[in-house]
C-alpha cells in the first residue's frame, strides 16, 4: 500500500438532504479513499480547509451494489464515507457555503 498524501484522501463531498442538515451541527460528510484511516482523514481536513479543527471522525464502508446486464451479474465499486465532526470554535468549511 502506497502512502497517501493529504490531498489524495478526500475524494468529494456528499451532497444529500441528510448531510446538508448535519452541517448546522458542524458535521461534514465526504467520500474518502478506501485505504485512508481516521488519522489521515483528520489531517487532510485540517490541512485542506484553513481554520478547521476536527474533534472526531466516523467512517463507514459501503459495499458495491449488485447490477445485472442481461444474464451477466456484476457489482459497482465499493466506497468509503467519513463523517467529520468539527469543534465549536472551528471555522465552517466554506466549500458548502451557499448550497
Protein backbone atom coordinates (compact mmCIF):
# COMPACT_ATOMS: atom_id res chain seq x y z
CA UNK A 1 0.00 0.00 0.00
CA UNK A 2 1.47 3.33 -1.06
CA UNK A 3 1.47 6.28 1.33
CA UNK A 4 -1.43 8.65 0.74
CA UNK A 5 -0.81 12.39 0.55
CA UNK A 6 -3.39 14.55 2.33
CA UNK A 7 -4.82 15.81 -0.97
CA UNK A 8 -5.48 12.21 -2.13
CA UNK A 9 -7.53 11.27 0.95
CA UNK A 10 -10.71 13.30 0.38
CA UNK A 11 -12.36 12.45 -2.94
CA UNK A 12 -15.54 14.57 -2.89
CA UNK A 13 -18.24 15.85 -0.55
CA UNK A 14 -21.51 14.01 -0.09
CA UNK A 15 -24.38 16.32 -1.08
CA UNK A 16 -27.67 14.92 0.22
CA UNK A 17 -30.51 16.32 2.29
CA UNK A 18 -29.30 14.49 5.37
CA UNK A 19 -25.69 15.66 5.02
CA UNK A 20 -26.84 19.25 4.45
CA UNK A 21 -28.96 19.12 7.62
CA UNK A 22 -25.97 17.83 9.60
CA UNK A 23 -23.91 20.88 8.58
CA UNK A 24 -25.82 23.01 11.09
CA UNK A 25 -24.30 20.82 13.82
CA UNK A 26 -20.78 21.15 12.31
CA UNK A 27 -20.81 17.62 10.88
CA UNK A 28 -19.50 17.27 7.32
CA UNK A 29 -19.63 14.17 5.13
CA UNK A 30 -17.06 13.18 2.49
CA UNK A 31 -16.28 10.22 0.26
CA UNK A 32 -12.69 9.27 1.07
CA UNK A 33 -10.02 6.93 -0.28
CA UNK A 34 -10.78 3.32 0.76
CA UNK A 35 -7.31 2.89 2.32
CA UNK A 36 -7.46 6.09 4.41
CA UNK A 37 -7.70 5.79 8.18
CA UNK A 38 -9.25 8.23 10.67
CA UNK A 39 -5.96 9.98 11.48
CA UNK A 40 -5.26 10.62 7.78
CA UNK A 41 -8.79 11.95 7.23
CA UNK A 42 -8.45 14.33 10.19
CA UNK A 43 -5.09 15.59 8.93
CA UNK A 44 -6.44 16.07 5.39
CA UNK A 45 -9.46 18.13 6.52
CA UNK A 46 -7.35 20.35 8.77
CA UNK A 47 -4.77 20.98 6.01
CA UNK A 48 -7.21 21.46 3.12
CA UNK A 49 -9.61 23.81 4.93
CA UNK A 50 -7.82 26.55 6.88
CA UNK A 51 -9.04 27.26 10.40
CA UNK A 52 -10.86 23.97 10.89
CA UNK A 53 -10.28 21.82 13.97
CA UNK A 54 -11.56 18.25 13.86
CA UNK A 55 -12.79 16.74 17.11
CA UNK A 56 -13.52 13.24 15.77
CA UNK A 57 -14.11 11.21 12.62
CA UNK A 58 -16.58 8.39 11.98
CA UNK A 59 -16.04 6.15 8.95
CA UNK A 60 -18.20 3.59 7.19
CA UNK A 61 -17.56 1.24 4.29
CA UNK A 62 -20.27 0.99 1.65
CA UNK A 63 -20.36 -2.25 -0.34
CA UNK A 64 -20.93 -2.15 -4.09
CA UNK A 65 -24.46 -2.70 -5.36
CA UNK A 66 -25.38 -5.73 -7.43
CA UNK A 67 -26.18 -4.83 -11.05
CA UNK A 68 -27.32 -7.05 -13.89
CA UNK A 69 -26.84 -6.60 -17.61
CA UNK A 70 -28.72 -9.40 -19.28
CA UNK A 71 -27.54 -12.60 -17.63
CA UNK A 72 -24.22 -11.13 -16.52
CA UNK A 73 -24.03 -10.11 -12.87
CA UNK A 74 -21.56 -7.53 -11.59
CA UNK A 75 -21.06 -5.08 -8.75
CA UNK A 76 -20.49 -1.34 -8.68
CA UNK A 77 -17.40 -0.03 -6.92
CA UNK A 78 -17.29 -0.05 -3.14
CA UNK A 79 -16.92 3.32 -1.36
CA UNK A 80 -15.81 4.66 1.98
CA UNK A 81 -17.60 7.56 3.64
CA UNK A 82 -16.34 9.73 6.51
CA UNK A 83 -18.37 11.98 8.81
CA UNK A 84 -16.12 14.71 10.23
CA UNK A 85 -17.12 16.46 13.47
CA UNK A 86 -15.67 19.95 13.96
CA UNK A 87 -15.09 21.65 17.30
CA UNK A 88 -17.29 24.54 18.43
CA UNK A 89 -14.52 27.15 17.95
CA UNK A 90 -13.65 25.85 14.48
CA UNK A 91 -14.39 27.71 11.26
CA UNK A 92 -17.02 26.27 8.95
CA UNK A 93 -15.94 24.57 5.73
CA UNK A 94 -16.60 27.13 3.01
CA UNK A 95 -16.97 24.51 0.30
CA UNK A 96 -20.53 24.02 1.50
CA UNK A 97 -21.47 27.71 1.90
CA UNK A 98 -24.26 28.75 -0.43
CA UNK A 99 -25.56 25.24 -1.14
